[in-house]
Amino acid sequence: MQTARVIGYATATMKHPSLTGWKLVILQPLDINDEPDEFPQLAIDPLGARQGDHVFFTSDTKYIQQLVSRKDSPIRFSIQGIMDEQPEVKKKRR
């Protein structure tokens, strides 16, 4: 699993039958410091993440095949969770 930010959505007039009904999102993978890492990736979103959400995603083929109920699906990534955002801790001045 890896973390990412949802940076947009994708629409397609034609797509593989296994993707019918799925929301497609564009993820920007993040490194340990929450900085962009690698190129953006296309993923399916079973959870309803919004643009800007911090998520974790997987490339677990078995999980994705079960999720879309097809072994021949071309999708490689799927969101698995939406992370809670922690409010920034403000230091009190003395």
PDB file of N, CA and C in Angstrom:
ATOM      1  N   MET A   1       0.835  -1.172   0.000  1.00  0.00           N
ATOM      2  CA  MET A   1       0.000   0.000   0.000  1.00  0.00           C
ATOM      3  C   MET A   1       0.882   1.238   0.000  1.00  0.00           C
ATOM      4  N   GLN A   2       0.327   2.301  -0.548  1.00  0.00           N
ATOM      5  CA  GLN A   2       1.030   3.570  -0.629  1.00  0.00           C
ATOM      6  C   GLN A   2       0.014   4.685  -0.436  1.00  0.00           C
ATOM      7  N   THR A   3       0.482   5.849  -0.004  1.00  0.00           N
ATOM      8  CA  THR A   3      -0.423   6.976   0.157  1.00  0.00           C
ATOM      9  C   THR A   3      -0.385   7.865  -1.078  1.00  0.00           C
ATOM     10  N   ALA A   4      -1.454   8.633  -1.251  1.00  0.00           N
ATOM     11  CA  ALA A   4      -1.566   9.519  -2.416  1.00  0.00           C
ATOM     12  C   ALA A   4      -2.570  10.618  -2.114  1.00  0.00           C
ATOM     13  N   ARG A   5      -2.576  11.627  -2.962  1.00  0.00           N
ATOM     14  CA  ARG A   5      -3.603  12.662  -2.954  1.00  0.00           C
ATOM     15  C   ARG A   5      -4.454  12.475  -4.196  1.00  0.00           C
ATOM     16  N   VAL A   6      -5.750  12.635  -4.046  1.00  0.00           N
ATOM     17  CA  VAL A   6      -6.644  12.621  -5.200  1.00  0.00           C
ATOM     18  C   VAL A   6      -6.497  13.989  -5.864  1.00  0.00           C
ATOM     19  N   ILE A   7      -6.021  14.000  -7.112  1.00  0.00           N
ATOM     20  CA  ILE A   7      -5.801  15.281  -7.789  1.00  0.00           C
ATOM     21  C   ILE A   7      -6.819  15.539  -8.900  1.00  0.00           C
ATOM     22  N   GLY A   8      -7.679  14.576  -9.164  1.00  0.00           N
ATOM     23  CA  GLY A   8      -8.687  14.791 -10.191  1.00  0.00           C
ATOM     24  C   GLY A   8      -9.496  13.547 -10.461  1.00  0.00           C
ATOM     25  N   TYR A   9     -10.340  13.658 -11.470  1.00  0.00           N
ATOM     26  CA  TYR A   9     -11.222  12.568 -11.875  1.00  0.00           C
ATOM     27  C   TYR A   9     -11.022  12.305 -13.358  1.00  0.00           C
ATOM     28  N   ALA A  10     -11.347  11.112 -13.789  1.00  0.00           N
ATOM     29  CA  ALA A  10     -11.248  10.768 -15.200  1.00  0.00           C
ATOM     30  C   ALA A  10     -12.612  10.306 -15.684  1.00  0.00           C
ATOM     31  N   THR A  11     -12.950  10.709 -16.888  1.00  0.00           N
ATOM     32  CA  THR A  11     -14.167  10.214 -17.522  1.00  0.00           C
ATOM     33  C   THR A  11     -13.763   9.567 -18.839  1.00  0.00           C
ATOM     34  N   ALA A  12     -14.523   8.597 -19.243  1.00  0.00           N
ATOM     35  CA  ALA A  12     -14.201   7.885 -20.477  1.00  0.00           C
ATOM     36  C   ALA A  12     -15.488   7.578 -21.226  1.00  0.00           C
ATOM     37  N   THR A  13     -15.495   7.889 -22.513  1.00  0.00           N
ATOM     38  CA  THR A  13     -16.670   7.556 -23.313  1.00  0.00           C
ATOM     39  C   THR A  13     -16.679   6.075 -23.643  1.00  0.00           C
ATOM     40  N   MET A  14     -15.511   5.482 -23.687  1.00  0.00           N
ATOM     41  CA  MET A  14     -15.393   4.036 -23.888  1.00  0.00           C
ATOM     42  C   MET A  14     -14.413   3.504 -22.866  1.00  0.00           C
ATOM     43  N   LYS A  15     -14.779   2.388 -22.227  1.00  0.00           N
ATOM     44  CA  LYS A  15     -13.875   1.770 -21.263  1.00  0.00           C
ATOM     45  C   LYS A  15     -14.161   0.286 -21.182  1.00  0.00           C
ATOM     46  N   HIS A  16     -13.243  -0.416 -20.569  1.00  0.00           N
ATOM     47  CA  HIS A  16     -13.384  -1.859 -20.398  1.00  0.00           C
ATOM     48  C   HIS A  16     -14.665  -2.144 -19.613  1.00  0.00           C
ATOM     49  N   PRO A  17     -15.397  -3.195 -19.971  1.00  0.00           N
ATOM     50  CA  PRO A  17     -16.657  -3.505 -19.279  1.00  0.00           C
ATOM     51  C   PRO A  17     -16.518  -3.654 -17.759  1.00  0.00           C
ATOM     52  N   SER A  18     -15.348  -4.051 -17.278  1.00  0.00           N
ATOM     53  CA  SER A  18     -15.168  -4.225 -15.834  1.00  0.00           C
ATOM     54  C   SER A  18     -15.149  -2.887 -15.093  1.00  0.00           C
ATOM     55  N   LEU A  19     -15.028  -1.779 -15.813  1.00  0.00           N
ATOM     56  CA  LEU A  19     -14.965  -0.463 -15.180  1.00  0.00           C
ATOM     57  C   LEU A  19     -16.298   0.280 -15.210  1.00  0.00           C
ATOM     58  N   THR A  20     -17.305  -0.341 -15.808  1.00  0.00           N
ATOM     59  CA  THR A  20     -18.626   0.279 -15.861  1.00  0.00           C
ATOM     60  C   THR A  20     -19.163   0.489 -14.448  1.00  0.00           C
ATOM     61  N   GLY A  21     -19.568   1.726 -14.176  1.00  0.00           N
ATOM     62  CA  GLY A  21     -20.133   2.040 -12.873  1.00  0.00           C
ATOM     63  C   GLY A  21     -19.112   2.454 -11.829  1.00  0.00           C
ATOM     64  N   TRP A  22     -17.840   2.356 -12.127  1.00  0.00           N
ATOM     65  CA  TRP A  22     -16.806   2.728 -11.170  1.00  0.00           C
ATOM     66  C   TRP A  22     -16.374   4.172 -11.378  1.00  0.00           C
ATOM     67  N   LYS A  23     -16.164   4.872 -10.283  1.00  0.00           N
ATOM     68  CA  LYS A  23     -15.605   6.224 -10.327  1.00  0.00           C
ATOM     69  C   LYS A  23     -14.094   6.087 -10.526  1.00  0.00           C
ATOM     70  N   LEU A  24     -13.569   6.784 -11.518  1.00  0.00           N
ATOM     71  CA  LEU A  24     -12.134   6.749 -11.795  1.00  0.00           C
ATOM     72  C   LEU A  24     -11.500   8.034 -11.278  1.00  0.00           C
ATOM     73  N   VAL A  25     -10.439   7.894 -10.516  1.00  0.00           N
ATOM     74  CA  VAL A  25      -9.750   9.048  -9.947  1.00  0.00           C
ATOM     75  C   VAL A  25      -8.290   9.049 -10.385  1.00  0.00           C
ATOM     76  N   ILE A  26      -7.705  10.236 -10.355  1.00  0.00           N
ATOM     77  CA  ILE A  26      -6.284  10.370 -10.647  1.00  0.00           C
ATOM     78  C   ILE A  26      -5.591  10.623  -9.321  1.00  0.00           C
ATOM     79  N   LEU A  27      -4.630   9.758  -9.012  1.00  0.00           N
ATOM     80  CA  LEU A  27      -3.903   9.830  -7.746  1.00  0.00           C
ATOM     81  C   LEU A  27      -2.477  10.306  -7.980  1.00  0.00           C
ATOM     82  N   GLN A  28      -2.001  11.175  -7.104  1.00  0.00           N
ATOM     83  CA  GLN A  28      -0.589  11.543  -7.093  1.00  0.00           C
ATOM     84  C   GLN A  28       0.043  10.803  -5.923  1.00  0.00           C
ATOM     85  N   PRO A  29       0.810   9.739  -6.210  1.00  0.00           N
ATOM     86  CA  PRO A  29       1.479   9.020  -5.123  1.00  0.00           C
ATOM     87  C   PRO A  29       2.399   9.956  -4.334  1.00  0.00           C
ATOM     88  N   LEU A  30       2.527   9.690  -3.034  1.00  0.00           N
ATOM     89  CA  LEU A  30       3.334  10.517  -2.149  1.00  0.00           C
ATOM     90  C   LEU A  30       4.436   9.695  -1.506  1.00  0.00           C
ATOM     91  N   ASP A  31       5.549  10.372  -1.194  1.00  0.00           N
ATOM     92  CA  ASP A  31       6.632   9.689  -0.490  1.00  0.00           C
ATOM     93  C   ASP A  31       6.429   9.843   1.015  1.00  0.00           C
ATOM     94  N   ILE A  32       7.408   9.446   1.778  1.00  0.00           N
ATOM     95  CA  ILE A  32       7.313   9.464   3.242  1.00  0.00           C
ATOM     96  C   ILE A  32       7.101  10.872   3.798  1.00  0.00           C
ATOM     97  N   ASN A  33       7.523  11.893   3.045  1.00  0.00           N
ATOM     98  CA  ASN A  33       7.374  13.288   3.476  1.00  0.00           C
ATOM     99  C   ASN A  33       6.151  13.964   2.862  1.00  0.00           C
ATOM    100  N   ASP A  34       5.249  13.163   2.308  1.00  0.00           N
ATOM    101  CA  ASP A  34       4.046  13.660   1.629  1.00  0.00           C
ATOM    102  C   ASP A  34       4.369  14.555   0.437  1.00  0.00           C
ATOM    103  N   GLU A  35       5.485  14.301  -0.206  1.00  0.00           N
ATOM    104  CA  GLU A  35       5.881  14.995  -1.430  1.00  0.00           C
ATOM    105  C   GLU A  35       5.533  14.108  -2.621  1.00  0.00           C
ATOM    106  N   PRO A  36       5.209  14.700  -3.783  1.00  0.00           N
ATOM    107  CA  PRO A  36       4.895  13.883  -4.959  1.00  0.00           C
ATOM    108  C   PRO A  36       6.006  12.881  -5.272  1.00  0.00           C
ATOM    109  N   ASP A  37       5.595  11.656  -5.580  1.00  0.00           N
ATOM    110  CA  ASP A  37       6.523  10.572  -5.867  1.00  0.00           C
ATOM    111  C   ASP A  37       6.001   9.839  -7.103  1.00  0.00           C
ATOM    112  N   GLU A  38       6.797   9.773  -8.142  1.00  0.00           N
ATOM    113  CA  GLU A  38       6.414   9.104  -9.386  1.00  0.00           C
ATOM    114  C   GLU A  38       5.370   9.915 -10.155  1.00  0.00           C
ATOM    115  N   PHE A  39       4.830   9.288 -11.172  1.00  0.00           N
ATOM    116  CA  PHE A  39       3.815   9.914 -12.014  1.00  0.00           C
ATOM    117  C   PHE A  39       2.426   9.671 -11.439  1.00  0.00           C
ATOM    118  N   PRO A  40       1.450  10.546 -11.725  1.00  0.00           N
ATOM    119  CA  PRO A  40       0.072  10.286 -11.302  1.00  0.00           C
ATOM    120  C   PRO A  40      -0.439   8.960 -11.884  1.00  0.00           C
ATOM    121  N   GLN A  41      -1.359   8.335 -11.168  1.00  0.00           N
ATOM    122  CA  GLN A  41      -1.897   7.036 -11.551  1.00  0.00           C
ATOM    123  C   GLN A  41      -3.420   7.080 -11.579  1.00  0.00           C
ATOM    124  N   LEU A  42      -4.011   6.251 -12.430  1.00  0.00           N
ATOM    125  CA  LEU A  42      -5.461   6.099 -12.510  1.00  0.00           C
ATOM    126  C   LEU A  42      -5.882   4.964 -11.577  1.00  0.00           C
ATOM    127  N   ALA A  43      -6.950   5.185 -10.820  1.00  0.00           N
ATOM    128  CA  ALA A  43      -7.425   4.162  -9.881  1.00  0.00           C
ATOM    129  C   ALA A  43      -8.944   4.160  -9.851  1.00  0.00           C
ATOM    130  N   ILE A  44      -9.517   3.042  -9.411  1.00  0.00           N
ATOM    131  CA  ILE A  44     -10.955   3.019  -9.154  1.00  0.00           C
ATOM    132  C   ILE A  44     -11.169   3.417  -7.702  1.00  0.00           C
ATOM    133  N   ASP A  45     -12.333   3.989  -7.447  1.00  0.00           N
ATOM    134  CA  ASP A  45     -12.622   4.511  -6.119  1.00  0.00           C
ATOM    135  C   ASP A  45     -13.935   3.955  -5.594  1.00  0.00           C
ATOM    136  N   PRO A  46     -13.879   2.919  -4.763  1.00  0.00           N
ATOM    137  CA  PRO A  46     -15.108   2.378  -4.194  1.00  0.00           C
ATOM    138  C   PRO A  46     -15.604   3.145  -2.967  1.00  0.00           C
ATOM    139  N   LEU A  47     -14.843   4.164  -2.515  1.00  0.00           N
ATOM    140  CA  LEU A  47     -15.164   4.836  -1.256  1.00  0.00           C
ATOM    141  C   LEU A  47     -15.703   6.252  -1.393  1.00  0.00           C
ATOM    142  N   GLY A  48     -15.624   6.850  -2.569  1.00  0.00           N
ATOM    143  CA  GLY A  48     -16.138   8.200  -2.754  1.00  0.00           C
ATOM    144  C   GLY A  48     -15.189   9.294  -2.287  1.00  0.00           C
ATOM    145  N   ALA A  49     -13.908   9.113  -2.519  1.00  0.00           N
ATOM    146  CA  ALA A  49     -12.925  10.136  -2.140  1.00  0.00           C
ATOM    147  C   ALA A  49     -13.148  11.401  -2.961  1.00  0.00           C
ATOM    148  N   ARG A  50     -12.828  12.534  -2.359  1.00  0.00           N
ATOM    149  CA  ARG A  50     -12.968  13.815  -3.030  1.00  0.00           C
ATOM    150  C   ARG A  50     -11.601  14.339  -3.449  1.00  0.00           C
ATOM    151  N   GLN A  51     -11.614  15.276  -4.361  1.00  0.00           N
ATOM    152  CA  GLN A  51     -10.362  15.889  -4.793  1.00  0.00           C
ATOM    153  C   GLN A  51      -9.679  16.525  -3.577  1.00  0.00           C
ATOM    154  N   GLY A  52      -8.384  16.248  -3.430  1.00  0.00           N
ATOM    155  CA  GLY A  52      -7.613  16.761  -2.303  1.00  0.00           C
ATOM    156  C   GLY A  52      -7.511  15.797  -1.142  1.00  0.00           C
ATOM    157  N   ASP A  53      -8.352  14.746  -1.125  1.00  0.00           N
ATOM    158  CA  ASP A  53      -8.293  13.775  -0.029  1.00  0.00           C
ATOM    159  C   ASP A  53      -6.971  13.030  -0.033  1.00  0.00           C
ATOM    160  N   HIS A  54      -6.487  12.738   1.179  1.00  0.00           N
ATOM    161  CA  HIS A  54      -5.288  11.927   1.380  1.00  0.00           C
ATOM    162  C   HIS A  54      -5.773  10.487   1.533  1.00  0.00           C
ATOM    163  N   VAL A  55      -5.353   9.612   0.650  1.00  0.00           N
ATOM    164  CA  VAL A  55      -5.854   8.237   0.619  1.00  0.00           C
ATOM    165  C   VAL A  55      -4.700   7.252   0.646  1.00  0.00           C
ATOM    166  N   PHE A  56      -5.020   5.997   0.908  1.00  0.00           N
ATOM    167  CA  PHE A  56      -4.048   4.953   0.646  1.00  0.00           C
ATOM    168  C   PHE A  56      -4.643   4.010  -0.377  1.00  0.00           C
ATOM    169  N   PHE A  57      -3.769   3.475  -1.218  1.00  0.00           N
ATOM    170  CA  PHE A  57      -4.241   2.668  -2.334  1.00  0.00           C
ATOM    171  C   PHE A  57      -3.389   1.425  -2.485  1.00  0.00           C
ATOM    172  N   THR A  58      -3.907   0.480  -3.273  1.00  0.00           N
ATOM    173  CA  THR A  58      -3.227  -0.794  -3.458  1.00  0.00           C
ATOM    174  C   THR A  58      -3.150  -1.160  -4.927  1.00  0.00           C
ATOM    175  N   SER A  59      -2.196  -2.001  -5.221  1.00  0.00           N
ATOM    176  CA  SER A  59      -2.104  -2.603  -6.555  1.00  0.00           C
ATOM    177  C   SER A  59      -2.269  -4.117  -6.441  1.00  0.00           C
ATOM    178  N   ASP A  60      -2.913  -4.561  -5.372  1.00  0.00           N
ATOM    179  CA  ASP A  60      -3.157  -5.983  -5.131  1.00  0.00           C
ATOM    180  C   ASP A  60      -4.128  -6.523  -6.184  1.00  0.00           C
ATOM    181  N   THR A  61      -3.606  -7.272  -7.129  1.00  0.00           N
ATOM    182  CA  THR A  61      -4.387  -7.773  -8.255  1.00  0.00           C
ATOM    183  C   THR A  61      -5.585  -8.606  -7.807  1.00  0.00           C
ATOM    184  N   LYS A  62      -5.385  -9.513  -6.866  1.00  0.00           N
ATOM    185  CA  LYS A  62      -6.484 -10.367  -6.391  1.00  0.00           C
ATOM    186  C   LYS A  62      -7.622  -9.531  -5.808  1.00  0.00           C
ATOM    187  N   TYR A  63      -7.280  -8.548  -4.995  1.00  0.00           N
ATOM    188  CA  TYR A  63      -8.287  -7.682  -4.384  1.00  0.00           C
ATOM    189  C   TYR A  63      -9.080  -6.939  -5.459  1.00  0.00           C
ATOM    190  N   ILE A  64      -8.376  -6.364  -6.431  1.00  0.00           N
ATOM    191  CA  ILE A  64      -9.041  -5.590  -7.481  1.00  0.00           C
ATOM    192  C   ILE A  64      -9.911  -6.492  -8.351  1.00  0.00           C
ATOM    193  N   GLN A  65      -9.441  -7.693  -8.673  1.00  0.00           N
ATOM    194  CA  GLN A  65     -10.251  -8.628  -9.459  1.00  0.00           C
ATOM    195  C   GLN A  65     -11.528  -8.987  -8.720  1.00  0.00           C
ATOM    196  N   GLN A  66     -11.447  -9.184  -7.414  1.00  0.00           N
ATOM    197  CA  GLN A  66     -12.644  -9.479  -6.623  1.00  0.00           C
ATOM    198  C   GLN A  66     -13.565  -8.259  -6.562  1.00  0.00           C
ATOM    199  N   LEU A  67     -12.978  -7.085  -6.441  1.00  0.00           N
ATOM    200  CA  LEU A  67     -13.747  -5.852  -6.346  1.00  0.00           C
ATOM    201  C   LEU A  67     -14.591  -5.619  -7.601  1.00  0.00           C
ATOM    202  N   VAL A  68     -13.995  -5.811  -8.777  1.00  0.00           N
ATOM    203  CA  VAL A  68     -14.713  -5.570 -10.038  1.00  0.00           C
ATOM    204  C   VAL A  68     -15.375  -6.832 -10.585  1.00  0.00           C
ATOM    205  N   SER A  69     -15.191  -7.946  -9.915  1.00  0.00           N
ATOM    206  CA  SER A  69     -15.769  -9.238 -10.313  1.00  0.00           C
ATOM    207  C   SER A  69     -15.332  -9.690 -11.704  1.00  0.00           C
ATOM    208  N   ARG A  70     -14.101  -9.366 -12.070  1.00  0.00           N
ATOM    209  CA  ARG A  70     -13.555  -9.778 -13.367  1.00  0.00           C
ATOM    210  C   ARG A  70     -12.066 -10.060 -13.220  1.00  0.00           C
ATOM    211  N   LYS A  71     -11.616 -11.165 -13.803  1.00  0.00           N
ATOM    212  CA  LYS A  71     -10.183 -11.480 -13.791  1.00  0.00           C
ATOM    213  C   LYS A  71      -9.426 -10.789 -14.914  1.00  0.00           C
ATOM    214  N   ASP A  72     -10.143 -10.246 -15.894  1.00  0.00           N
ATOM    215  CA  ASP A  72      -9.473  -9.635 -17.042  1.00  0.00           C
ATOM    216  C   ASP A  72      -9.494  -8.106 -17.001  1.00  0.00           C
ATOM    217  N   SER A  73      -9.760  -7.532 -15.818  1.00  0.00           N
ATOM    218  CA  SER A  73      -9.827  -6.073 -15.715  1.00  0.00           C
ATOM    219  C   SER A  73      -8.442  -5.455 -15.895  1.00  0.00           C
ATOM    220  N   PRO A  74      -8.342  -4.370 -16.668  1.00  0.00           N
ATOM    221  CA  PRO A  74      -7.046  -3.743 -16.895  1.00  0.00           C
ATOM    222  C   PRO A  74      -6.637  -2.763 -15.790  1.00  0.00           C
ATOM    223  N   ILE A  75      -7.537  -2.481 -14.841  1.00  0.00           N
ATOM    224  CA  ILE A  75      -7.221  -1.494 -13.816  1.00  0.00           C
ATOM    225  C   ILE A  75      -6.179  -2.060 -12.852  1.00  0.00           C
ATOM    226  N   ARG A  76      -5.225  -1.223 -12.476  1.00  0.00           N
ATOM    227  CA  ARG A  76      -4.121  -1.691 -11.643  1.00  0.00           C
ATOM    228  C   ARG A  76      -4.223  -1.216 -10.195  1.00  0.00           C
ATOM    229  N   PHE A  77      -4.862  -0.063  -9.970  1.00  0.00           N
ATOM    230  CA  PHE A  77      -4.892   0.518  -8.631  1.00  0.00           C
ATOM    231  C   PHE A  77      -6.319   0.720  -8.138  1.00  0.00           C
ATOM    232  N   SER A  78      -6.480   0.641  -6.817  1.00  0.00           N
ATOM    233  CA  SER A  78      -7.768   0.897  -6.179  1.00  0.00           C
ATOM    234  C   SER A  78      -7.530   1.586  -4.841  1.00  0.00           C
ATOM    235  N   ILE A  79      -8.362   2.583  -4.552  1.00  0.00           N
ATOM    236  CA  ILE A  79      -8.303   3.221  -3.239  1.00  0.00           C
ATOM    237  C   ILE A  79      -8.816   2.227  -2.211  1.00  0.00           C
ATOM    238  N   GLN A  80      -8.119   2.144  -1.074  1.00  0.00           N
ATOM    239  CA  GLN A  80      -8.556   1.255  -0.003  1.00  0.00           C
ATOM    240  C   GLN A  80      -8.999   1.997   1.240  1.00  0.00           C
ATOM    241  N   GLY A  81      -8.606   3.245   1.361  1.00  0.00           N
ATOM    242  CA  GLY A  81      -9.002   4.003   2.544  1.00  0.00           C
ATOM    243  C   GLY A  81      -8.755   5.486   2.378  1.00  0.00           C
ATOM    244  N   ILE A  82      -9.533   6.267   3.104  1.00  0.00           N
ATOM    245  CA  ILE A  82      -9.361   7.716   3.143  1.00  0.00           C
ATOM    246  C   ILE A  82      -8.810   8.046   4.523  1.00  0.00           C
ATOM    247  N   MET A  83      -7.677   8.712   4.533  1.00  0.00           N
ATOM    248  CA  MET A  83      -7.001   8.999   5.796  1.00  0.00           C
ATOM    249  C   MET A  83      -7.609  10.221   6.475  1.00  0.00           C
ATOM    250  N   ASP A  84      -7.689  10.157   7.796  1.00  0.00           N
ATOM    251  CA  ASP A  84      -8.124  11.315   8.576  1.00  0.00           C
ATOM    252  C   ASP A  84      -7.014  12.349   8.537  1.00  0.00           C
ATOM    253  N   GLU A  85      -7.391  13.583   8.338  1.00  0.00           N
ATOM    254  CA  GLU A  85      -6.410  14.667   8.362  1.00  0.00           C
ATOM    255  C   GLU A  85      -6.238  15.126   9.799  1.00  0.00           C
ATOM    256  N   GLN A  86      -5.010  15.251  10.220  1.00  0.00           N
ATOM    257  CA  GLN A  86      -4.710  15.742  11.558  1.00  0.00           C
ATOM    258  C   GLN A  86      -4.566  17.256  11.512  1.00  0.00           C
ATOM    259  N   PRO A  87      -5.269  17.973  12.372  1.00  0.00           N
ATOM    260  CA  PRO A  87      -5.085  19.425  12.390  1.00  0.00           C
ATOM    261  C   PRO A  87      -3.667  19.754  12.838  1.00  0.00           C
ATOM    262  N   GLU A  88      -3.137  20.812  12.279  1.00  0.00           N
ATOM    263  CA  GLU A  88      -1.783  21.207  12.643  1.00  0.00           C
ATOM    264  C   GLU A  88      -1.771  21.612  14.112  1.00  0.00           C
ATOM    265  N   VAL A  89      -0.770  21.149  14.810  1.00  0.00           N
ATOM    266  CA  VAL A  89      -0.636  21.484  16.222  1.00  0.00           C
ATOM    267  C   VAL A  89      -0.028  22.877  16.311  1.00  0.00           C
ATOM    268  N   LYS A  90      -0.751  23.769  16.988  1.00  0.00           N
ATOM    269  CA  LYS A  90      -0.254  25.133  17.145  1.00  0.00           C
ATOM    270  C   LYS A  90       0.439  25.242  18.499  1.00  0.00           C
ATOM    271  N   LYS A  91       1.610  25.773  18.465  1.00  0.00           N
ATOM    272  CA  LYS A  91       2.364  25.946  19.702  1.00  0.00           C
ATOM    273  C   LYS A  91       1.870  27.206  20.424  1.00  0.00           C
ATOM    274  N   LYS A  92       1.688  27.068  21.716  1.00  0.00           N
ATOM    275  CA  LYS A  92       1.279  28.213  22.517  1.00  0.00           C
ATOM    276  C   LYS A  92       2.503  29.059  22.830  1.00  0.00           C
ATOM    277  N   ARG A  93       2.320  30.354  22.725  1.00  0.00           N
ATOM    278  CA  ARG A  93       3.404  31.265  23.104  1.00  0.00           C
ATOM    279  C   ARG A  93       3.284  31.547  24.600  1.00  0.00           C
ATOM    280  N   ARG A  94       4.389  31.554  25.240  1.00  0.00           N
ATOM    281  CA  ARG A  94       4.387  31.816  26.696  1.00  0.00           C
ATOM    282  C   ARG A  94       4.797  33.226  26.977  1.00  0.00           C
TER     283      ARG A  94
END
